[in-house]
PDB file of N, CA and C in Angstrom:
ATOM      1  N   MET A   1      50.575  79.842  92.716  1.00  0.00           N
ATOM      2  CA  MET A   1      51.221  81.309  93.128  1.00  0.00           C
ATOM      3  C   MET A   1      51.347  82.834  91.777  1.00  0.00           C
ATOM      4  N   THR A   2      51.183  83.305  91.926  1.00  0.00           N
ATOM      5  CA  THR A   2      50.903  84.708  91.390  1.00  0.00           C
ATOM      6  C   THR A   2      52.508  85.060  91.504  1.00  0.00           C
ATOM      7  N   GLU A   3      53.173  85.187  90.463  1.00  0.00           N
ATOM      8  CA  GLU A   3      54.409  85.969  90.229  1.00  0.00           C
ATOM      9  C   GLU A   3      53.853  86.732  89.237  1.00  0.00           C
ATOM     10  N   LYS A   4      54.870  87.934  90.273  1.00  0.00           N
ATOM     11  CA  LYS A   4      54.682  89.563  89.094  1.00  0.00           C
ATOM     12  C   LYS A   4      55.859  89.493  88.099  1.00  0.00           C
ATOM     13  N   ILE A   5      55.128  89.134  86.468  1.00  0.00           N
ATOM     14  CA  ILE A   5      55.618  89.171  85.304  1.00  0.00           C
ATOM     15  C   ILE A   5      56.365  90.719  85.037  1.00  0.00           C
ATOM     16  N   SER A   6      57.550  90.123  84.553  1.00  0.00           N
ATOM     17  CA  SER A   6      58.684  91.483  84.383  1.00  0.00           C
ATOM     18  C   SER A   6      58.464  91.592  82.796  1.00  0.00           C
ATOM     19  N   ALA A   7      58.858  93.340  82.778  1.00  0.00           N
ATOM     20  CA  ALA A   7      58.846  93.751  80.941  1.00  0.00           C
ATOM     21  C   ALA A   7      58.634  92.361  80.293  1.00  0.00           C
ATOM     22  N   ALA A   8      60.197  92.226  80.027  1.00  0.00           N
ATOM     23  CA  ALA A   8      60.885  90.732  79.608  1.00  0.00           C
ATOM     24  C   ALA A   8      59.759  89.623  78.750  1.00  0.00           C
ATOM     25  N   ALA A   9      58.898  89.359  80.381  1.00  0.00           N
ATOM     26  CA  ALA A   9      58.045  88.321  80.142  1.00  0.00           C
ATOM     27  C   ALA A   9      56.412  89.200  79.242  1.00  0.00           C
ATOM     28  N   SER A  10      56.252  90.161  79.315  1.00  0.00           N
ATOM     29  CA  SER A  10      55.665  90.670  78.499  1.00  0.00           C
ATOM     30  C   SER A  10      55.594  90.813  76.735  1.00  0.00           C
ATOM     31  N   ARG A  11      57.068  90.821  76.606  1.00  0.00           N
ATOM     32  CA  ARG A  11      57.290  90.525  75.570  1.00  0.00           C
ATOM     33  C   ARG A  11      57.726  89.220  74.819  1.00  0.00           C
ATOM     34  N   GLU A  12      57.912  88.870  73.232  1.00  0.00           N
ATOM     35  CA  GLU A  12      58.796  87.649  73.637  1.00  0.00           C
ATOM     36  C   GLU A  12      60.152  88.198  73.169  1.00  0.00           C
ATOM     37  N   ILE A  13      61.038  87.438  73.545  1.00  0.00           N
ATOM     38  CA  ILE A  13      62.395  87.372  73.413  1.00  0.00           C
ATOM     39  C   ILE A  13      62.952  86.244  72.075  1.00  0.00           C
ATOM     40  N   THR A  14      63.443  86.818  71.180  1.00  0.00           N
ATOM     41  CA  THR A  14      63.473  86.157  70.536  1.00  0.00           C
ATOM     42  C   THR A  14      65.094  86.546  70.107  1.00  0.00           C
ATOM     43  N   VAL A  15      65.484  86.009  68.890  1.00  0.00           N
ATOM     44  CA  VAL A  15      66.324  86.805  68.529  1.00  0.00           C
ATOM     45  C   VAL A  15      66.313  88.394  67.638  1.00  0.00           C
ATOM     46  N   ALA A  16      65.230  87.677  66.412  1.00  0.00           N
ATOM     47  CA  ALA A  16      64.834  89.014  65.565  1.00  0.00           C
ATOM     48  C   ALA A  16      64.852  89.835  67.111  1.00  0.00           C
ATOM     49  N   ASN A  17      63.797  90.018  67.470  1.00  0.00           N
ATOM     50  CA  ASN A  17      64.064  90.831  68.619  1.00  0.00           C
ATOM     51  C   ASN A  17      64.685  91.469  69.076  1.00  0.00           C
ATOM     52  N   ALA A  18      66.077  90.733  69.638  1.00  0.00           N
ATOM     53  CA  ALA A  18      67.123  91.830  69.999  1.00  0.00           C
ATOM     54  C   ALA A  18      67.754  92.010  68.641  1.00  0.00           C
ATOM     55  N   VAL A  19      68.027  91.938  68.175  1.00  0.00           N
ATOM     56  CA  VAL A  19      68.446  92.505  65.994  1.00  0.00           C
ATOM     57  C   VAL A  19      67.534  93.799  66.465  1.00  0.00           C
ATOM     58  N   ASP A  20      66.356  93.385  66.100  1.00  0.00           N
ATOM     59  CA  ASP A  20      65.893  94.659  65.927  1.00  0.00           C
ATOM     60  C   ASP A  20      65.280  95.967  66.974  1.00  0.00           C
ATOM     61  N   GLY A  21      66.475  95.732  68.095  1.00  0.00           N
ATOM     62  CA  GLY A  21      66.158  96.451  68.761  1.00  0.00           C
ATOM     63  C   GLY A  21      65.012  96.555  69.630  1.00  0.00           C
ATOM     64  N   LYS A  22      64.441  95.448  69.578  1.00  0.00           N
ATOM     65  CA  LYS A  22      63.171  95.894  70.588  1.00  0.00           C
ATOM     66  C   LYS A  22      63.477  95.060  72.101  1.00  0.00           C
ATOM     67  N   LEU A  23      64.161  94.878  72.091  1.00  0.00           N
ATOM     68  CA  LEU A  23      64.881  94.657  73.686  1.00  0.00           C
ATOM     69  C   LEU A  23      65.862  94.767  73.790  1.00  0.00           C
ATOM     70  N   GLY A  24      66.012  95.403  75.039  1.00  0.00           N
ATOM     71  CA  GLY A  24      67.252  95.787  75.999  1.00  0.00           C
ATOM     72  C   GLY A  24      67.955  94.767  77.084  1.00  0.00           C
ATOM     73  N   LEU A  25      68.784  95.456  77.732  1.00  0.00           N
ATOM     74  CA  LEU A  25      69.221  95.113  78.877  1.00  0.00           C
ATOM     75  C   LEU A  25      68.324  93.979  79.790  1.00  0.00           C
ATOM     76  N   GLY A  26      67.846  95.876  79.830  1.00  0.00           N
ATOM     77  CA  GLY A  26      66.822  95.707  81.906  1.00  0.00           C
ATOM     78  C   GLY A  26      66.012  94.488  80.916  1.00  0.00           C
ATOM     79  N   ASP A  27      65.897  94.258  80.074  1.00  0.00           N
ATOM     80  CA  ASP A  27      64.813  92.605  79.192  1.00  0.00           C
ATOM     81  C   ASP A  27      65.224  91.498  79.669  1.00  0.00           C
ATOM     82  N   LEU A  28      66.476  91.514  79.466  1.00  0.00           N
ATOM     83  CA  LEU A  28      67.463  90.195  80.275  1.00  0.00           C
ATOM     84  C   LEU A  28      67.663  89.689  81.692  1.00  0.00           C
ATOM     85  N   ARG A  29      67.784  90.980  82.819  1.00  0.00           N
ATOM     86  CA  ARG A  29      67.984  91.176  83.620  1.00  0.00           C
ATOM     87  C   ARG A  29      67.347  89.931  84.673  1.00  0.00           C
ATOM     88  N   MET A  30      68.302  89.390  84.918  1.00  0.00           N
ATOM     89  CA  MET A  30      68.106  88.047  86.052  1.00  0.00           C
ATOM     90  C   MET A  30      67.067  88.536  87.154  1.00  0.00           C
ATOM     91  N   ASP A  31      66.164  87.607  87.404  1.00  0.00           N
ATOM     92  CA  ASP A  31      65.374  88.116  88.151  1.00  0.00           C
ATOM     93  C   ASP A  31      66.187  88.095  90.018  1.00  0.00           C
ATOM     94  N   PRO A  32      66.053  89.051  91.262  1.00  0.00           N
ATOM     95  CA  PRO A  32      66.852  88.249  91.970  1.00  0.00           C
ATOM     96  C   PRO A  32      65.975  87.275  92.643  1.00  0.00           C
ATOM     97  N   ALA A  33      64.736  86.923  92.982  1.00  0.00           N
ATOM     98  CA  ALA A  33      64.090  85.935  93.653  1.00  0.00           C
ATOM     99  C   ALA A  33      64.096  84.512  92.340  1.00  0.00           C
ATOM    100  N   ALA A  34      64.238  84.689  91.380  1.00  0.00           N
ATOM    101  CA  ALA A  34      64.422  83.259  90.262  1.00  0.00           C
ATOM    102  C   ALA A  34      65.813  82.931  90.975  1.00  0.00           C
ATOM    103  N   LEU A  35      67.006  83.642  91.367  1.00  0.00           N
ATOM    104  CA  LEU A  35      68.375  83.675  92.029  1.00  0.00           C
ATOM    105  C   LEU A  35      67.958  83.243  93.570  1.00  0.00           C
ATOM    106  N   ALA A  36      67.344  83.555  93.623  1.00  0.00           N
ATOM    107  CA  ALA A  36      67.128  83.061  95.519  1.00  0.00           C
ATOM    108  C   ALA A  36      66.608  81.653  95.299  1.00  0.00           C
ATOM    109  N   HIS A  37      66.106  81.797  94.830  1.00  0.00           N
ATOM    110  CA  HIS A  37      65.084  80.572  94.399  1.00  0.00           C
ATOM    111  C   HIS A  37      65.942  79.166  94.326  1.00  0.00           C
ATOM    112  N   GLN A  38      66.731  79.546  92.651  1.00  0.00           N
ATOM    113  CA  GLN A  38      67.399  78.994  92.368  1.00  0.00           C
ATOM    114  C   GLN A  38      69.107  78.381  93.568  1.00  0.00           C
ATOM    115  N   ALA A  39      69.525  79.358  94.485  1.00  0.00           N
ATOM    116  CA  ALA A  39      70.398  78.860  95.481  1.00  0.00           C
ATOM    117  C   ALA A  39      69.720  78.080  97.011  1.00  0.00           C
ATOM    118  N   ALA A  40      67.942  78.259  96.483  1.00  0.00           N
ATOM    119  CA  ALA A  40      67.026  76.954  97.983  1.00  0.00           C
ATOM    120  C   ALA A  40      67.343  75.629  97.102  1.00  0.00           C
ATOM    121  N   VAL A  41      67.307  75.495  95.650  1.00  0.00           N
ATOM    122  CA  VAL A  41      67.337  74.341  95.136  1.00  0.00           C
ATOM    123  C   VAL A  41      68.620  73.461  94.955  1.00  0.00           C
ATOM    124  N   ALA A  42      69.599  74.385  94.518  1.00  0.00           N
ATOM    125  CA  ALA A  42      71.388  74.153  95.212  1.00  0.00           C
ATOM    126  C   ALA A  42      71.066  73.762  96.427  1.00  0.00           C
ATOM    127  N   ALA A  43      71.098  74.617  97.114  1.00  0.00           N
ATOM    128  CA  ALA A  43      71.059  74.064  98.920  1.00  0.00           C
ATOM    129  C   ALA A  43      70.349  72.743  99.526  1.00  0.00           C
ATOM    130  N   GLU A  44      69.403  72.512  99.238  1.00  0.00           N
ATOM    131  CA  GLU A  44      68.177  71.247  99.284  1.00  0.00           C
ATOM    132  C   GLU A  44      69.424  69.716  98.359  1.00  0.00           C
ATOM    133  N   GLY A  45      69.952  70.473  97.934  1.00  0.00           N
ATOM    134  CA  GLY A  45      70.716  69.558  96.331  1.00  0.00           C
ATOM    135  C   GLY A  45      72.102  69.394  96.962  1.00  0.00           C
ATOM    136  N   GLY A  46      71.944  69.735  98.287  1.00  0.00           N
ATOM    137  CA  GLY A  46      73.267  69.225  99.059  1.00  0.00           C
ATOM    138  C   GLY A  46      75.003  69.873  97.781  1.00  0.00           C
ATOM    139  N   ASN A  47      74.320  70.964  97.453  1.00  0.00           N
ATOM    140  CA  ASN A  47      75.691  71.965  96.526  1.00  0.00           C
ATOM    141  C   ASN A  47      75.572  73.258  97.214  1.00  0.00           C
ATOM    142  N   PRO A  48      75.984  73.795  98.522  1.00  0.00           N
ATOM    143  CA  PRO A  48      76.169  74.811  99.445  1.00  0.00           C
ATOM    144  C   PRO A  48      76.936  75.826  98.254  1.00  0.00           C
ATOM    145  N   GLN A  49      78.005  75.950  98.069  1.00  0.00           N
ATOM    146  CA  GLN A  49      78.968  76.666  97.405  1.00  0.00           C
ATOM    147  C   GLN A  49      77.910  77.629  95.725  1.00  0.00           C
ATOM    148  N   LEU A  50      77.428  76.371  95.694  1.00  0.00           N
ATOM    149  CA  LEU A  50      76.294  76.957  94.201  1.00  0.00           C
ATOM    150  C   LEU A  50      75.899  78.052  94.783  1.00  0.00           C
ATOM    151  N   ALA A  51      74.986  77.482  96.190  1.00  0.00           N
ATOM    152  CA  ALA A  51      74.017  78.525  96.581  1.00  0.00           C
ATOM    153  C   ALA A  51      74.563  79.604  97.392  1.00  0.00           C
ATOM    154  N   GLU A  52      75.214  79.780  97.648  1.00  0.00           N
ATOM    155  CA  GLU A  52      76.001  80.774  97.644  1.00  0.00           C
ATOM    156  C   GLU A  52      76.730  81.696  96.243  1.00  0.00           C
ATOM    157  N   ASN A  53      77.021  81.140  95.311  1.00  0.00           N
ATOM    158  CA  ASN A  53      76.894  82.015  94.143  1.00  0.00           C
ATOM    159  C   ASN A  53      76.036  82.253  93.332  1.00  0.00           C
ATOM    160  N   PHE A  54      75.007  81.494  94.129  1.00  0.00           N
ATOM    161  CA  PHE A  54      73.314  82.749  93.463  1.00  0.00           C
ATOM    162  C   PHE A  54      72.980  83.874  94.141  1.00  0.00           C
ATOM    163  N   LEU A  55      72.626  83.328  95.644  1.00  0.00           N
ATOM    164  CA  LEU A  55      72.407  84.134  96.576  1.00  0.00           C
ATOM    165  C   LEU A  55      73.566  85.389  96.083  1.00  0.00           C
ATOM    166  N   ARG A  56      74.912  85.508  95.926  1.00  0.00           N
ATOM    167  CA  ARG A  56      75.745  86.305  95.262  1.00  0.00           C
ATOM    168  C   ARG A  56      74.886  87.253  94.208  1.00  0.00           C
ATOM    169  N   ALA A  57      75.350  86.305  92.933  1.00  0.00           N
ATOM    170  CA  ALA A  57      73.773  87.012  92.040  1.00  0.00           C
ATOM    171  C   ALA A  57      72.388  87.557  92.055  1.00  0.00           C
ATOM    172  N   ALA A  58      72.096  87.256  92.840  1.00  0.00           N
ATOM    173  CA  ALA A  58      70.800  87.617  93.854  1.00  0.00           C
ATOM    174  C   ALA A  58      70.956  89.415  93.939  1.00  0.00           C
ATOM    175  N   GLU A  59      72.229  89.023  94.329  1.00  0.00           N
ATOM    176  CA  GLU A  59      72.779  90.927  95.551  1.00  0.00           C
ATOM    177  C   GLU A  59      72.686  91.205  94.057  1.00  0.00           C
ATOM    178  N   LEU A  60      73.805  91.007  93.046  1.00  0.00           N
ATOM    179  CA  LEU A  60      74.209  92.111  92.494  1.00  0.00           C
ATOM    180  C   LEU A  60      73.571  92.346  90.939  1.00  0.00           C
ATOM    181  N   ALA A  61      72.046  91.710  90.765  1.00  0.00           N
ATOM    182  CA  ALA A  61      71.913  92.040  90.499  1.00  0.00           C
ATOM    183  C   ALA A  61      70.130  93.228  90.430  1.00  0.00           C
ATOM    184  N   LEU A  62      70.701  93.246  91.808  1.00  0.00           N
ATOM    185  CA  LEU A  62      69.603  94.525  91.918  1.00  0.00           C
ATOM    186  C   LEU A  62      70.659  95.934  92.128  1.00  0.00           C
ATOM    187  N   ILE A  63      71.691  95.353  91.991  1.00  0.00           N
ATOM    188  CA  ILE A  63      73.647  96.920  91.509  1.00  0.00           C
ATOM    189  C   ILE A  63      73.304  96.772  90.256  1.00  0.00           C
ATOM    190  N   ASP A  64      73.733  98.543  89.923  1.00  0.00           N
ATOM    191  CA  ASP A  64      73.197  99.054  88.509  1.00  0.00           C
ATOM    192  C   ASP A  64      74.872  98.391  87.316  1.00  0.00           C
ATOM    193  N   ASP A  65      74.120  98.166  86.381  1.00  0.00           N
ATOM    194  CA  ASP A  65      75.904  97.351  85.357  1.00  0.00           C
ATOM    195  C   ASP A  65      77.031  98.401  85.601  1.00  0.00           C
ATOM    196  N   GLU A  66      77.009  99.635  85.916  1.00  0.00           N
ATOM    197  CA  GLU A  66      77.871  99.959  85.778  1.00  0.00           C
ATOM    198  C   GLU A  66      79.257  99.620  87.462  1.00  0.00           C
ATOM    199  N   GLN A  67      78.309  99.736  88.115  1.00  0.00           N
ATOM    200  CA  GLN A  67      78.361  99.030  89.399  1.00  0.00           C
ATOM    201  C   GLN A  67      79.561  97.885  89.579  1.00  0.00           C
ATOM    202  N   VAL A  68      78.240  97.231  88.864  1.00  0.00           N
ATOM    203  CA  VAL A  68      78.941  95.583  88.792  1.00  0.00           C
ATOM    204  C   VAL A  68      80.315  95.130  87.858  1.00  0.00           C
ATOM    205  N   MET A  69      80.652  96.445  86.960  1.00  0.00           N
ATOM    206  CA  MET A  69      81.853  96.081  86.364  1.00  0.00           C
ATOM    207  C   MET A  69      83.074  96.252  86.725  1.00  0.00           C
ATOM    208  N   ALA A  70      82.811  98.104  87.736  1.00  0.00           N
ATOM    209  CA  ALA A  70      83.793  98.321  88.417  1.00  0.00           C
ATOM    210  C   ALA A  70      83.846  97.138  89.848  1.00  0.00           C
ATOM    211  N   LEU A  71      83.063  96.266  89.668  1.00  0.00           N
ATOM    212  CA  LEU A  71      83.548  95.254  91.174  1.00  0.00           C
ATOM    213  C   LEU A  71      84.533  94.509  90.514  1.00  0.00           C
ATOM    214  N   TYR A  72      83.714  94.162  89.060  1.00  0.00           N
ATOM    215  CA  TYR A  72      84.621  92.806  88.855  1.00  0.00           C
ATOM    216  C   TYR A  72      86.492  93.765  88.339  1.00  0.00           C
ATOM    217  N   GLU A  73      86.607  94.714  87.958  1.00  0.00           N
ATOM    218  CA  GLU A  73      87.523  95.318  87.718  1.00  0.00           C
ATOM    219  C   GLU A  73      88.527  95.342  88.985  1.00  0.00           C
ATOM    220  N   ALA A  74      87.728  96.613  89.658  1.00  0.00           N
ATOM    221  CA  ALA A  74      88.969  96.444  91.724  1.00  0.00           C
ATOM    222  C   ALA A  74      89.345  94.816  91.081  1.00  0.00           C
ATOM    223  N   LEU A  75      88.726  93.519  91.769  1.00  0.00           N
ATOM    224  CA  LEU A  75      88.700  92.376  92.218  1.00  0.00           C
ATOM    225  C   LEU A  75      89.848  91.223  91.064  1.00  0.00           C
ATOM    226  N   ARG A  76      90.295  92.015  89.999  1.00  0.00           N
ATOM    227  CA  ARG A  76      91.759  91.554  88.960  1.00  0.00           C
ATOM    228  C   ARG A  76      93.255  91.913  89.807  1.00  0.00           C
ATOM    229  N   PRO A  77      93.231  91.367  90.073  1.00  0.00           N
ATOM    230  CA  PRO A  77      94.685  91.194  90.629  1.00  0.00           C
ATOM    231  C   PRO A  77      95.533  92.034  90.337  1.00  0.00           C
ATOM    232  N   HIS A  78      96.167  92.894  90.838  1.00  0.00           N
ATOM    233  CA  HIS A  78      97.185  94.143  90.702  1.00  0.00           C
ATOM    234  C   HIS A  78      95.591  95.416  90.281  1.00  0.00           C
ATOM    235  N   ARG A  79      94.824  95.435  90.879  1.00  0.00           N
ATOM    236  CA  ARG A  79      94.127  96.685  89.967  1.00  0.00           C
ATOM    237  C   ARG A  79      93.718  97.352  91.490  1.00  0.00           C
ATOM    238  N   SER A  80      93.852  97.089  92.920  1.00  0.00           N
ATOM    239  CA  SER A  80      93.242  97.908  93.543  1.00  0.00           C
ATOM    240  C   SER A  80      94.124  98.106  94.822  1.00  0.00           C
ATOM    241  N   THR A  81      94.085  98.543  95.651  1.00  0.00           N
ATOM    242  CA  THR A  81      94.550  99.105  96.963  1.00  0.00           C
ATOM    243  C   THR A  81      94.490  97.803  97.803  1.00  0.00           C
ATOM    244  N   ALA A  82      94.684  97.463  99.625  1.00  0.00           N
ATOM    245  CA  ALA A  82      94.151  97.700  99.929  1.00  0.00           C
ATOM    246  C   ALA A  82      93.003  97.926 100.639  1.00  0.00           C
ATOM    247  N   ALA A  83      93.151  99.611 100.888  1.00  0.00           N
ATOM    248  CA  ALA A  83      92.032 100.578 100.431  1.00  0.00           C
ATOM    249  C   ALA A  83      90.854 100.602  99.757  1.00  0.00           C
ATOM    250  N   ASP A  84      91.235 100.283  98.837  1.00  0.00           N
ATOM    251  CA  ASP A  84      90.652 100.352  97.785  1.00  0.00           C
ATOM    252  C   ASP A  84      89.418  99.472  98.133  1.00  0.00           C
ATOM    253  N   LEU A  85      89.410  98.094  97.767  1.00  0.00           N
ATOM    254  CA  LEU A  85      88.817  96.719  98.240  1.00  0.00           C
ATOM    255  C   LEU A  85      88.091  97.398  99.894  1.00  0.00           C
ATOM    256  N   ASP A  86      88.702  98.010 100.601  1.00  0.00           N
ATOM    257  CA  ASP A  86      88.028  98.297 101.675  1.00  0.00           C
ATOM    258  C   ASP A  86      86.511  98.972 101.424  1.00  0.00           C
ATOM    259  N   ASP A  87      86.866 100.241 100.765  1.00  0.00           N
ATOM    260  CA  ASP A  87      85.961 101.026 100.452  1.00  0.00           C
ATOM    261  C   ASP A  87      84.978 100.189  99.178  1.00  0.00           C
ATOM    262  N   LEU A  88      85.114  99.037  98.892  1.00  0.00           N
ATOM    263  CA  LEU A  88      84.354  98.076  98.028  1.00  0.00           C
ATOM    264  C   LEU A  88      83.540  97.632  99.187  1.00  0.00           C
ATOM    265  N   ARG A  89      84.122  97.051  99.982  1.00  0.00           N
ATOM    266  CA  ARG A  89      83.327  96.341 100.900  1.00  0.00           C
ATOM    267  C   ARG A  89      82.209  97.149 101.654  1.00  0.00           C
ATOM    268  N   THR A  90      82.676  98.155 102.229  1.00  0.00           N
ATOM    269  CA  THR A  90      82.000  99.379 103.036  1.00  0.00           C
ATOM    270  C   THR A  90      80.365  99.383 101.948  1.00  0.00           C
ATOM    271  N   SER A  91      80.772 100.014 100.196  1.00  0.00           N
ATOM    272  CA  SER A  91      79.642 100.091  99.461  1.00  0.00           C
ATOM    273  C   SER A  91      78.784  99.252  98.975  1.00  0.00           C
ATOM    274  N   LEU A  92      79.391  97.823  99.208  1.00  0.00           N
ATOM    275  CA  LEU A  92      78.439  96.757  99.128  1.00  0.00           C
ATOM    276  C   LEU A  92      77.502  96.508 100.117  1.00  0.00           C
ATOM    277  N   LEU A  93      78.150  96.890 101.758  1.00  0.00           N
ATOM    278  CA  LEU A  93      77.337  96.725 102.585  1.00  0.00           C
ATOM    279  C   LEU A  93      75.840  97.576 102.565  1.00  0.00           C
ATOM    280  N   ALA A  94      76.531  99.187 102.383  1.00  0.00           N
ATOM    281  CA  ALA A  94      75.246 100.362 102.028  1.00  0.00           C
ATOM    282  C   ALA A  94      74.762  99.913 100.669  1.00  0.00           C
ATOM    283  N   THR A  95      74.972  99.087  99.867  1.00  0.00           N
ATOM    284  CA  THR A  95      73.753  98.342  99.028  1.00  0.00           C
ATOM    285  C   THR A  95      73.182  97.937  99.610  1.00  0.00           C
ATOM    286  N   GLY A  96      73.652  97.130  99.786  1.00  0.00           N
ATOM    287  CA  GLY A  96      72.392  95.622 100.599  1.00  0.00           C
ATOM    288  C   GLY A  96      72.891  94.400  99.667  1.00  0.00           C
ATOM    289  N   ALA A  97      73.945  94.374  99.692  1.00  0.00           N
ATOM    290  CA  ALA A  97      74.831  92.785  99.285  1.00  0.00           C
ATOM    291  C   ALA A  97      75.930  92.804 100.130  1.00  0.00           C
ATOM    292  N   PRO A  98      75.320  92.210 101.193  1.00  0.00           N
ATOM    293  CA  PRO A  98      76.431  91.724 102.426  1.00  0.00           C
ATOM    294  C   PRO A  98      77.070  89.987 101.910  1.00  0.00           C
ATOM    295  N   ARG A  99      76.966  89.574 100.961  1.00  0.00           N
ATOM    296  CA  ARG A  99      77.494  88.535 100.514  1.00  0.00           C
ATOM    297  C   ARG A  99      78.195  88.834  99.753  1.00  0.00           C
ATOM    298  N   CYS A 100      78.162  89.491  99.003  1.00  0.00           N
ATOM    299  CA  CYS A 100      79.101  90.281  98.160  1.00  0.00           C
ATOM    300  C   CYS A 100      80.966  91.057  98.244  1.00  0.00           C
ATOM    301  N   ALA A 101      79.690  91.797  99.554  1.00  0.00           N
ATOM    302  CA  ALA A 101      81.153  92.693 100.019  1.00  0.00           C
ATOM    303  C   ALA A 101      81.870  91.605 100.862  1.00  0.00           C
ATOM    304  N   ALA A 102      81.297  90.461 101.385  1.00  0.00           N
ATOM    305  CA  ALA A 102      82.564  89.188 102.509  1.00  0.00           C
ATOM    306  C   ALA A 102      82.944  88.492 101.285  1.00  0.00           C
ATOM    307  N   LEU A 103      82.442  88.387 100.401  1.00  0.00           N
ATOM    308  CA  LEU A 103      83.486  87.977  98.816  1.00  0.00           C
ATOM    309  C   LEU A 103      84.476  89.232  98.451  1.00  0.00           C
ATOM    310  N   VAL A 104      84.849  90.421  98.703  1.00  0.00           N
ATOM    311  CA  VAL A 104      85.359  91.342  98.105  1.00  0.00           C
ATOM    312  C   VAL A 104      86.566  90.851  99.780  1.00  0.00           C
ATOM    313  N   GLU A 105      85.649  91.028 101.187  1.00  0.00           N
ATOM    314  CA  GLU A 105      86.994  91.138 102.669  1.00  0.00           C
ATOM    315  C   GLU A 105      88.005  89.998 102.133  1.00  0.00           C
ATOM    316  N   GLN A 106      87.097  88.689 101.522  1.00  0.00           N
ATOM    317  CA  GLN A 106      88.119  87.314 101.955  1.00  0.00           C
ATOM    318  C   GLN A 106      88.931  87.863 100.940  1.00  0.00           C
ATOM    319  N   ALA A 107      88.679  88.346  99.460  1.00  0.00           N
ATOM    320  CA  ALA A 107      89.283  88.095  98.313  1.00  0.00           C
ATOM    321  C   ALA A 107      90.461  89.281  98.954  1.00  0.00           C
ATOM    322  N   ALA A 108      90.838  90.134  99.927  1.00  0.00           N
ATOM    323  CA  ALA A 108      91.391  91.256  99.831  1.00  0.00           C
ATOM    324  C   ALA A 108      92.279  90.659 101.148  1.00  0.00           C
ATOM    325  N   ALA A 109      91.660  89.701 101.374  1.00  0.00           N
ATOM    326  CA  ALA A 109      93.050  88.982 102.799  1.00  0.00           C
ATOM    327  C   ALA A 109      93.962  88.002 101.943  1.00  0.00           C
ATOM    328  N   VAL A 110      92.878  87.626 100.932  1.00  0.00           N
ATOM    329  CA  VAL A 110      93.802  86.461  99.778  1.00  0.00           C
ATOM    330  C   VAL A 110      94.986  87.593  98.632  1.00  0.00           C
ATOM    331  N   TYR A 111      94.493  88.259  98.319  1.00  0.00           N
ATOM    332  CA  TYR A 111      94.721  89.596  97.654  1.00  0.00           C
ATOM    333  C   TYR A 111      96.159  89.571  98.159  1.00  0.00           C
ATOM    334  N   ALA A 112      96.546  90.060  99.717  1.00  0.00           N
ATOM    335  CA  ALA A 112      97.079  90.701 100.891  1.00  0.00           C
ATOM    336  C   ALA A 112      98.292  89.583 101.028  1.00  0.00           C
ATOM    337  N   ARG A 113      97.681  88.157 101.180  1.00  0.00           N
ATOM    338  CA  ARG A 113      99.018  87.029 101.338  1.00  0.00           C
ATOM    339  C   ARG A 113      99.613  86.731 100.502  1.00  0.00           C
ATOM    340  N   ARG A 114      99.348  86.877  98.926  1.00  0.00           N
ATOM    341  CA  ARG A 114      99.491  87.012  97.659  1.00  0.00           C
ATOM    342  C   ARG A 114     100.228  87.744  96.826  1.00  0.00           C
ATOM    343  N   GLY A 115     100.602  88.795  97.674  1.00  0.00           N
ATOM    344  CA  GLY A 115     100.553  90.047  96.869  1.00  0.00           C
ATOM    345  C   GLY A 115     100.479  90.400  95.385  1.00  0.00           C
ATOM    346  N   LEU A 116      98.930  90.190  95.478  1.00  0.00           N
ATOM    347  CA  LEU A 116      97.847  90.317  94.780  1.00  0.00           C
ATOM    348  C   LEU A 116      97.488  92.405  94.592  1.00  0.00           C
ATOM    349  N   LEU A 117      97.597  93.146  95.605  1.00  0.00           N
ATOM    350  CA  LEU A 117      97.185  93.926  95.656  1.00  0.00           C
ATOM    351  C   LEU A 117      98.430  94.575  94.680  1.00  0.00           C
ATOM    352  N   ARG A 118      97.219  96.599  94.482  1.00  0.00           N
ATOM    353  CA  ARG A 118      98.218  97.027  93.868  1.00  0.00           C
ATOM    354  C   ARG A 118      99.169  98.239  94.776  1.00  0.00           C
TER     355      ARG A 118
END
């Protein structure tokens, strides 16, 4: 099996290299294929919830860091309106993150029921 070697794999990942500025956040980013593989292992091991978490993580690995942080901020209680969360869901679908979009949709329903919307 031949796998694509990431930029991080071509450098030695050590604390010294990180402290010296030789590694960046991109060097430490998870590979979506590796996360999908972990999801398959989790599913085969009888843990579908963990498998779904890995698959959502694989989607997030393709989204830039600012968007991921905005997603986390939007999902904090009392931070978003129902319309905000629907816009976020639509954006995630357009970005190719249907599992994350479904999670936002589920969160919006729960937040509305529990009075956690802004």
